[in-house]
C-alpha cells in the first residue's frame, strides 16, 4: 500500500482558520497548512502565524500506521 499524498488529497480545498489575536475566521488553502514554515496572515488584523512541523509529523504518523496496517493484513491473508 502506498503512502497517502495529502497535498494531492487536499488540493483545491480550503480550511477554516481562526486568528488567535482578533478571532476572525478566514479560509486558507488546506495544502498551505501541510507546509512547514508557511506564513499565514490574518486578513483582518495582520497577525502572522507560521505553520510548524507538527502537521508533517502527523502526516508521517498516518503513513506509518497505514504501512503497519497493510503488513498485518498481509500476514493475516497468508495464514
PDB file of N, CA and C in Angstrom:
ATOM      1  N   UNK A   1       0.847  -1.175   0.000  1.00  0.00           N
ATOM      2  CA  UNK A   1       0.000   0.000   0.000  1.00  0.00           C
ATOM      3  C   UNK A   1       0.892   1.238   0.000  1.00  0.00           C
ATOM      4  N   UNK A   2       0.555   2.202  -0.798  1.00  0.00           N
ATOM      5  CA  UNK A   2       1.341   3.416  -0.912  1.00  0.00           C
ATOM      6  C   UNK A   2       0.969   4.431   0.160  1.00  0.00           C
ATOM      7  N   UNK A   3       1.882   5.388   0.361  1.00  0.00           N
ATOM      8  CA  UNK A   3       1.596   6.497   1.268  1.00  0.00           C
ATOM      9  C   UNK A   3       0.463   7.334   0.700  1.00  0.00           C
ATOM     10  N   UNK A   4      -0.260   7.971   1.587  1.00  0.00           N
ATOM     11  CA  UNK A   4      -1.287   8.916   1.156  1.00  0.00           C
ATOM     12  C   UNK A   4      -0.588  10.231   0.835  1.00  0.00           C
ATOM     13  N   UNK A   5      -0.855  10.772  -0.322  1.00  0.00           N
ATOM     14  CA  UNK A   5      -0.295  12.067  -0.690  1.00  0.00           C
ATOM     15  C   UNK A   5      -1.318  13.129  -0.282  1.00  0.00           C
ATOM     16  N   UNK A   6      -1.100  13.710   0.889  1.00  0.00           N
ATOM     17  CA  UNK A   6      -2.070  14.653   1.428  1.00  0.00           C
ATOM     18  C   UNK A   6      -2.160  15.932   0.605  1.00  0.00           C
ATOM     19  N   UNK A   7      -1.057  16.309  -0.034  1.00  0.00           N
ATOM     20  CA  UNK A   7      -1.116  17.519  -0.874  1.00  0.00           C
ATOM     21  C   UNK A   7      -2.066  17.299  -2.040  1.00  0.00           C
ATOM     22  N   UNK A   8      -2.031  16.113  -2.636  1.00  0.00           N
ATOM     23  CA  UNK A   8      -2.974  15.821  -3.718  1.00  0.00           C
ATOM     24  C   UNK A   8      -4.393  15.671  -3.179  1.00  0.00           C
ATOM     25  N   UNK A   9      -4.512  15.054  -2.024  1.00  0.00           N
ATOM     26  CA  UNK A   9      -5.826  14.811  -1.427  1.00  0.00           C
ATOM     27  C   UNK A   9      -6.546  16.124  -1.108  1.00  0.00           C
ATOM     28  N   UNK A  10      -5.800  17.113  -0.621  1.00  0.00           N
ATOM     29  CA  UNK A  10      -6.412  18.379  -0.219  1.00  0.00           C
ATOM     30  C   UNK A  10      -6.261  19.491  -1.252  1.00  0.00           C
ATOM     31  N   UNK A  11      -5.738  19.157  -2.421  1.00  0.00           N
ATOM     32  CA  UNK A  11      -5.547  20.157  -3.467  1.00  0.00           C
ATOM     33  C   UNK A  11      -6.895  20.783  -3.839  1.00  0.00           C
ATOM     34  N   UNK A  12      -6.926  22.115  -3.875  1.00  0.00           N
ATOM     35  CA  UNK A  12      -8.140  22.831  -4.242  1.00  0.00           C
ATOM     36  C   UNK A  12      -9.157  22.971  -3.122  1.00  0.00           C
ATOM     37  N   UNK A  13      -8.814  22.490  -1.930  1.00  0.00           N
ATOM     38  CA  UNK A  13      -9.736  22.580  -0.798  1.00  0.00           C
ATOM     39  C   UNK A  13      -9.236  23.636   0.187  1.00  0.00           C
ATOM     40  N   UNK A  14     -10.172  24.275   0.856  1.00  0.00           N
ATOM     41  CA  UNK A  14      -9.844  25.279   1.858  1.00  0.00           C
ATOM     42  C   UNK A  14     -10.231  24.780   3.238  1.00  0.00           C
ATOM     43  N   UNK A  15      -9.594  25.341   4.229  1.00  0.00           N
ATOM     44  CA  UNK A  15      -9.938  25.025   5.605  1.00  0.00           C
ATOM     45  C   UNK A  15     -10.118  26.330   6.378  1.00  0.00           C
ATOM     46  N   UNK A  16     -10.935  26.278   7.397  1.00  0.00           N
ATOM     47  CA  UNK A  16     -11.177  27.467   8.219  1.00  0.00           C
ATOM     48  C   UNK A  16     -10.058  27.631   9.240  1.00  0.00           C
ATOM     49  N   UNK A  17      -9.596  28.847   9.377  1.00  0.00           N
ATOM     50  CA  UNK A  17      -8.586  29.206  10.374  1.00  0.00           C
ATOM     51  C   UNK A  17      -9.162  30.369  11.166  1.00  0.00           C
ATOM     52  N   UNK A  18      -8.940  30.358  12.469  1.00  0.00           N
ATOM     53  CA  UNK A  18      -9.364  31.465  13.312  1.00  0.00           C
ATOM     54  C   UNK A  18      -8.128  32.150  13.868  1.00  0.00           C
ATOM     55  N   UNK A  19      -8.058  33.435  13.684  1.00  0.00           N
ATOM     56  CA  UNK A  19      -6.932  34.224  14.175  1.00  0.00           C
ATOM     57  C   UNK A  19      -6.943  34.217  15.703  1.00  0.00           C
ATOM     58  N   UNK A  20      -5.825  33.852  16.323  1.00  0.00           N
ATOM     59  CA  UNK A  20      -5.779  33.860  17.791  1.00  0.00           C
ATOM     60  C   UNK A  20      -5.726  35.273  18.372  1.00  0.00           C
ATOM     61  N   UNK A  21      -5.447  36.251  17.528  1.00  0.00           N
ATOM     62  CA  UNK A  21      -5.346  37.630  18.000  1.00  0.00           C
ATOM     63  C   UNK A  21      -6.708  38.344  18.006  1.00  0.00           C
ATOM     64  N   UNK A  22      -7.416  38.311  16.857  1.00  0.00           N
ATOM     65  CA  UNK A  22      -8.681  39.058  16.761  1.00  0.00           C
ATOM     66  C   UNK A  22      -9.906  38.146  16.608  1.00  0.00           C
ATOM     67  N   UNK A  23      -9.676  36.845  16.519  1.00  0.00           N
ATOM     68  CA  UNK A  23     -10.721  35.822  16.419  1.00  0.00           C
ATOM     69  C   UNK A  23     -11.521  35.880  15.117  1.00  0.00           C
ATOM     70  N   UNK A  24     -10.954  36.498  14.093  1.00  0.00           N
ATOM     71  CA  UNK A  24     -11.584  36.492  12.773  1.00  0.00           C
ATOM     72  C   UNK A  24     -11.399  35.116  12.146  1.00  0.00           C
ATOM     73  N   UNK A  25     -12.465  34.584  11.585  1.00  0.00           N
ATOM     74  CA  UNK A  25     -12.380  33.315  10.869  1.00  0.00           C
ATOM     75  C   UNK A  25     -12.173  33.616   9.386  1.00  0.00           C
ATOM     76  N   UNK A  26     -11.249  32.886   8.779  1.00  0.00           N
ATOM     77  CA  UNK A  26     -10.996  33.046   7.357  1.00  0.00           C
ATOM     78  C   UNK A  26     -10.543  31.719   6.775  1.00  0.00           C
ATOM     79  N   UNK A  27     -10.558  31.624   5.469  1.00  0.00           N
ATOM     80  CA  UNK A  27     -10.207  30.378   4.795  1.00  0.00           C
ATOM     81  C   UNK A  27      -8.767  30.437   4.285  1.00  0.00           C
ATOM     82  N   UNK A  28      -8.113  29.285   4.357  1.00  0.00           N
ATOM     83  CA  UNK A  28      -6.744  29.123   3.875  1.00  0.00           C
ATOM     84  C   UNK A  28      -6.707  27.843   3.052  1.00  0.00           C
ATOM     85  N   UNK A  29      -5.942  27.858   1.979  1.00  0.00           N
ATOM     86  CA  UNK A  29      -5.771  26.641   1.191  1.00  0.00           C
ATOM     87  C   UNK A  29      -5.215  25.549   2.101  1.00  0.00           C
ATOM     88  N   UNK A  30      -5.897  24.417   2.125  1.00  0.00           N
ATOM     89  CA  UNK A  30      -5.514  23.323   3.021  1.00  0.00           C
ATOM     90  C   UNK A  30      -4.083  22.864   2.783  1.00  0.00           C
ATOM     91  N   UNK A  31      -3.632  22.898   1.538  1.00  0.00           N
ATOM     92  CA  UNK A  31      -2.269  22.450   1.246  1.00  0.00           C
ATOM     93  C   UNK A  31      -1.226  23.345   1.909  1.00  0.00           C
ATOM     94  N   UNK A  32      -1.556  24.604   2.144  1.00  0.00           N
ATOM     95  CA  UNK A  32      -0.601  25.508   2.796  1.00  0.00           C
ATOM     96  C   UNK A  32      -0.364  25.102   4.241  1.00  0.00           C
ATOM     97  N   UNK A  33      -1.354  24.489   4.860  1.00  0.00           N
ATOM     98  CA  UNK A  33      -1.194  24.045   6.241  1.00  0.00           C
ATOM     99  C   UNK A  33      -0.299  22.820   6.336  1.00  0.00           C
ATOM    100  N   UNK A  34      -0.094  22.143   5.212  1.00  0.00           N
ATOM    101  CA  UNK A  34       0.766  20.963   5.203  1.00  0.00           C
ATOM    102  C   UNK A  34       2.235  21.318   5.049  1.00  0.00           C
ATOM    103  N   UNK A  35       2.522  22.568   4.736  1.00  0.00           N
ATOM    104  CA  UNK A  35       3.896  23.006   4.514  1.00  0.00           C
ATOM    105  C   UNK A  35       4.446  23.656   5.775  1.00  0.00           C
ATOM    106  N   UNK A  36       5.498  23.088   6.311  1.00  0.00           N
ATOM    107  CA  UNK A  36       6.136  23.665   7.488  1.00  0.00           C
ATOM    108  C   UNK A  36       6.778  24.996   7.121  1.00  0.00           C
ATOM    109  N   UNK A  37       6.598  25.984   7.978  1.00  0.00           N
ATOM    110  CA  UNK A  37       7.211  27.284   7.766  1.00  0.00           C
ATOM    111  C   UNK A  37       6.430  28.219   6.864  1.00  0.00           C
ATOM    112  N   UNK A  38       5.207  27.832   6.516  1.00  0.00           N
ATOM    113  CA  UNK A  38       4.396  28.693   5.659  1.00  0.00           C
ATOM    114  C   UNK A  38       3.781  29.814   6.500  1.00  0.00           C
ATOM    115  N   UNK A  39       3.881  31.038   6.001  1.00  0.00           N
ATOM    116  CA  UNK A  39       3.340  32.207   6.699  1.00  0.00           C
ATOM    117  C   UNK A  39       1.874  32.410   6.330  1.00  0.00           C
ATOM    118  N   UNK A  40       1.040  32.513   7.345  1.00  0.00           N
ATOM    119  CA  UNK A  40      -0.382  32.797   7.157  1.00  0.00           C
ATOM    120  C   UNK A  40      -0.657  34.109   7.868  1.00  0.00           C
ATOM    121  N   UNK A  41      -1.253  35.045   7.154  1.00  0.00           N
ATOM    122  CA  UNK A  41      -1.534  36.360   7.740  1.00  0.00           C
ATOM    123  C   UNK A  41      -3.038  36.583   7.826  1.00  0.00           C
ATOM    124  N   UNK A  42      -3.490  37.019   8.981  1.00  0.00           N
ATOM    125  CA  UNK A  42      -4.904  37.327   9.176  1.00  0.00           C
ATOM    126  C   UNK A  42      -5.272  38.505   8.283  1.00  0.00           C
ATOM    127  N   UNK A  43      -6.320  38.363   7.477  1.00  0.00           N
ATOM    128  CA  UNK A  43      -6.711  39.451   6.601  1.00  0.00           C
ATOM    129  C   UNK A  43      -7.346  40.630   7.345  1.00  0.00           C
ATOM    130  N   UNK A  44      -7.724  40.406   8.589  1.00  0.00           N
ATOM    131  CA  UNK A  44      -8.381  41.458   9.352  1.00  0.00           C
ATOM    132  C   UNK A  44      -7.390  42.319  10.144  1.00  0.00           C
ATOM    133  N   UNK A  45      -6.562  41.669  10.951  1.00  0.00           N
ATOM    134  CA  UNK A  45      -5.655  42.432  11.829  1.00  0.00           C
ATOM    135  C   UNK A  45      -4.190  42.341  11.418  1.00  0.00           C
ATOM    136  N   UNK A  46      -3.869  41.467  10.468  1.00  0.00           N
ATOM    137  CA  UNK A  46      -2.492  41.326  10.006  1.00  0.00           C
ATOM    138  C   UNK A  46      -1.617  40.437  10.870  1.00  0.00           C
ATOM    139  N   UNK A  47      -2.207  39.802  11.898  1.00  0.00           N
ATOM    140  CA  UNK A  47      -1.445  38.892  12.753  1.00  0.00           C
ATOM    141  C   UNK A  47      -0.855  37.779  11.890  1.00  0.00           C
ATOM    142  N   UNK A  48       0.418  37.479  12.122  1.00  0.00           N
ATOM    143  CA  UNK A  48       1.098  36.467  11.314  1.00  0.00           C
ATOM    144  C   UNK A  48       1.267  35.180  12.102  1.00  0.00           C
ATOM    145  N   UNK A  49       0.952  34.089  11.433  1.00  0.00           N
ATOM    146  CA  UNK A  49       1.110  32.759  12.012  1.00  0.00           C
ATOM    147  C   UNK A  49       1.992  31.950  11.078  1.00  0.00           C
ATOM    148  N   UNK A  50       2.795  31.073  11.640  1.00  0.00           N
ATOM    149  CA  UNK A  50       3.669  30.224  10.836  1.00  0.00           C
ATOM    150  C   UNK A  50       3.312  28.774  11.125  1.00  0.00           C
ATOM    151  N   UNK A  51       3.098  28.010  10.058  1.00  0.00           N
ATOM    152  CA  UNK A  51       2.814  26.588  10.246  1.00  0.00           C
ATOM    153  C   UNK A  51       4.089  25.905  10.738  1.00  0.00           C
ATOM    154  N   UNK A  52       3.920  24.874  11.519  1.00  0.00           N
ATOM    155  CA  UNK A  52       5.097  24.181  12.043  1.00  0.00           C
ATOM    156  C   UNK A  52       5.136  22.739  11.572  1.00  0.00           C
ATOM    157  N   UNK A  53       6.143  22.030  12.032  1.00  0.00           N
ATOM    158  CA  UNK A  53       6.353  20.670  11.549  1.00  0.00           C
ATOM    159  C   UNK A  53       5.400  19.657  12.159  1.00  0.00           C
ATOM    160  N   UNK A  54       4.550  20.066  13.101  1.00  0.00           N
ATOM    161  CA  UNK A  54       3.652  19.095  13.731  1.00  0.00           C
ATOM    162  C   UNK A  54       2.703  18.479  12.705  1.00  0.00           C
ATOM    163  N   UNK A  55       2.306  19.260  11.699  1.00  0.00           N
ATOM    164  CA  UNK A  55       1.434  18.710  10.657  1.00  0.00           C
ATOM    165  C   UNK A  55       2.182  17.648   9.873  1.00  0.00           C
ATOM    166  N   UNK A  56       3.431  17.932   9.517  1.00  0.00           N
ATOM    167  CA  UNK A  56       4.217  16.953   8.776  1.00  0.00           C
ATOM    168  C   UNK A  56       4.447  15.689   9.596  1.00  0.00           C
ATOM    169  N   UNK A  57       4.649  15.844  10.899  1.00  0.00           N
ATOM    170  CA  UNK A  57       4.819  14.677  11.765  1.00  0.00           C
ATOM    171  C   UNK A  57       3.528  13.865  11.808  1.00  0.00           C
ATOM    172  N   UNK A  58       2.400  14.538  11.843  1.00  0.00           N
ATOM    173  CA  UNK A  58       1.115  13.833  11.838  1.00  0.00           C
ATOM    174  C   UNK A  58       0.921  13.065  10.548  1.00  0.00           C
ATOM    175  N   UNK A  59       1.279  13.684   9.425  1.00  0.00           N
ATOM    176  CA  UNK A  59       1.178  13.009   8.128  1.00  0.00           C
ATOM    177  C   UNK A  59       2.081  11.785   8.115  1.00  0.00           C
ATOM    178  N   UNK A  60       3.307  11.923   8.610  1.00  0.00           N
ATOM    179  CA  UNK A  60       4.222  10.786   8.675  1.00  0.00           C
ATOM    180  C   UNK A  60       3.655   9.674   9.541  1.00  0.00           C
ATOM    181  N   UNK A  61       3.047  10.041  10.679  1.00  0.00           N
ATOM    182  CA  UNK A  61       2.459   9.027  11.570  1.00  0.00           C
ATOM    183  C   UNK A  61       1.305   8.296  10.899  1.00  0.00           C
ATOM    184  N   UNK A  62       0.488   9.007  10.141  1.00  0.00           N
ATOM    185  CA  UNK A  62      -0.612   8.360   9.416  1.00  0.00           C
ATOM    186  C   UNK A  62      -0.051   7.367   8.405  1.00  0.00           C
ATOM    187  N   UNK A  63       0.955   7.773   7.659  1.00  0.00           N
ATOM    188  CA  UNK A  63       1.537   6.883   6.659  1.00  0.00           C
ATOM    189  C   UNK A  63       2.201   5.663   7.294  1.00  0.00           C
ATOM    190  N   UNK A  64       2.855   5.840   8.460  1.00  0.00           N
ATOM    191  CA  UNK A  64       3.442   4.703   9.170  1.00  0.00           C
ATOM    192  C   UNK A  64       2.350   3.749   9.636  1.00  0.00           C
ATOM    193  N   UNK A  65       1.248   4.304  10.135  1.00  0.00           N
ATOM    194  CA  UNK A  65       0.127   3.464  10.583  1.00  0.00           C
ATOM    195  C   UNK A  65      -0.465   2.677   9.424  1.00  0.00           C
ATOM    196  N   UNK A  66      -0.564   3.309   8.272  1.00  0.00           N
ATOM    197  CA  UNK A  66      -1.092   2.627   7.083  1.00  0.00           C
ATOM    198  C   UNK A  66      -0.174   1.464   6.698  1.00  0.00           C
ATOM    199  N   UNK A  67       1.126   1.695   6.725  1.00  0.00           N
ATOM    200  CA  UNK A  67       2.075   0.629   6.385  1.00  0.00           C
ATOM    201  C   UNK A  67       1.969  -0.533   7.364  1.00  0.00           C
ATOM    202  N   UNK A  68       1.863  -0.208   8.668  1.00  0.00           N
ATOM    203  CA  UNK A  68       1.729  -1.272   9.673  1.00  0.00           C
ATOM    204  C   UNK A  68       0.432  -2.041   9.494  1.00  0.00           C
ATOM    205  N   UNK A  69      -0.630  -1.343   9.199  1.00  0.00           N
ATOM    206  CA  UNK A  69      -1.909  -1.991   8.950  1.00  0.00           C
ATOM    207  C   UNK A  69      -1.814  -2.926   7.747  1.00  0.00           C
ATOM    208  N   UNK A  70      -1.167  -2.459   6.681  1.00  0.00           N
ATOM    209  CA  UNK A  70      -1.023  -3.293   5.489  1.00  0.00           C
ATOM    210  C   UNK A  70      -0.194  -4.544   5.786  1.00  0.00           C
ATOM    211  N   UNK A  71       0.864  -4.402   6.592  1.00  0.00           N
ATOM    212  CA  UNK A  71       1.679  -5.563   6.976  1.00  0.00           C
ATOM    213  C   UNK A  71       0.830  -6.584   7.731  1.00  0.00           C
ATOM    214  N   UNK A  72       0.002  -6.088   8.659  1.00  0.00           N
ATOM    215  CA  UNK A  72      -0.858  -7.001   9.424  1.00  0.00           C
ATOM    216  C   UNK A  72      -1.890  -7.678   8.520  1.00  0.00           C
ATOM    217  N   UNK A  73      -2.454  -6.954   7.593  1.00  0.00           N
ATOM    218  CA  UNK A  73      -3.398  -7.537   6.649  1.00  0.00           C
ATOM    219  C   UNK A  73      -2.720  -8.591   5.808  1.00  0.00           C
ATOM    220  N   UNK A  74      -1.515  -8.307   5.333  1.00  0.00           N
ATOM    221  CA  UNK A  74      -0.760  -9.281   4.536  1.00  0.00           C
ATOM    222  C   UNK A  74      -0.474 -10.537   5.338  1.00  0.00           C
ATOM    223  N   UNK A  75      -0.099 -10.377   6.614  1.00  0.00           N
ATOM    224  CA  UNK A  75       0.157 -11.543   7.474  1.00  0.00           C
ATOM    225  C   UNK A  75      -1.104 -12.377   7.650  1.00  0.00           C
ATOM    226  N   UNK A  76      -2.233 -11.717   7.868  1.00  0.00           N
ATOM    227  CA  UNK A  76      -3.480 -12.453   8.045  1.00  0.00           C
ATOM    228  C   UNK A  76      -3.892 -13.190   6.775  1.00  0.00           C
ATOM    229  N   UNK A  77      -3.648 -12.558   5.635  1.00  0.00           N
ATOM    230  CA  UNK A  77      -4.002 -13.198   4.366  1.00  0.00           C
ATOM    231  C   UNK A  77      -3.135 -14.415   4.079  1.00  0.00           C
ATOM    232  N   UNK A  78      -1.906 -14.456   4.613  1.00  0.00           N
ATOM    233  CA  UNK A  78      -1.004 -15.586   4.384  1.00  0.00           C
ATOM    234  C   UNK A  78      -1.329 -16.760   5.299  1.00  0.00           C
ATOM    235  N   UNK A  79      -2.019 -16.488   6.403  1.00  0.00           N
ATOM    236  CA  UNK A  79      -2.314 -17.588   7.340  1.00  0.00           C
ATOM    237  C   UNK A  79      -3.594 -18.303   7.014  1.00  0.00           C
TER     238      UNK A  79
END
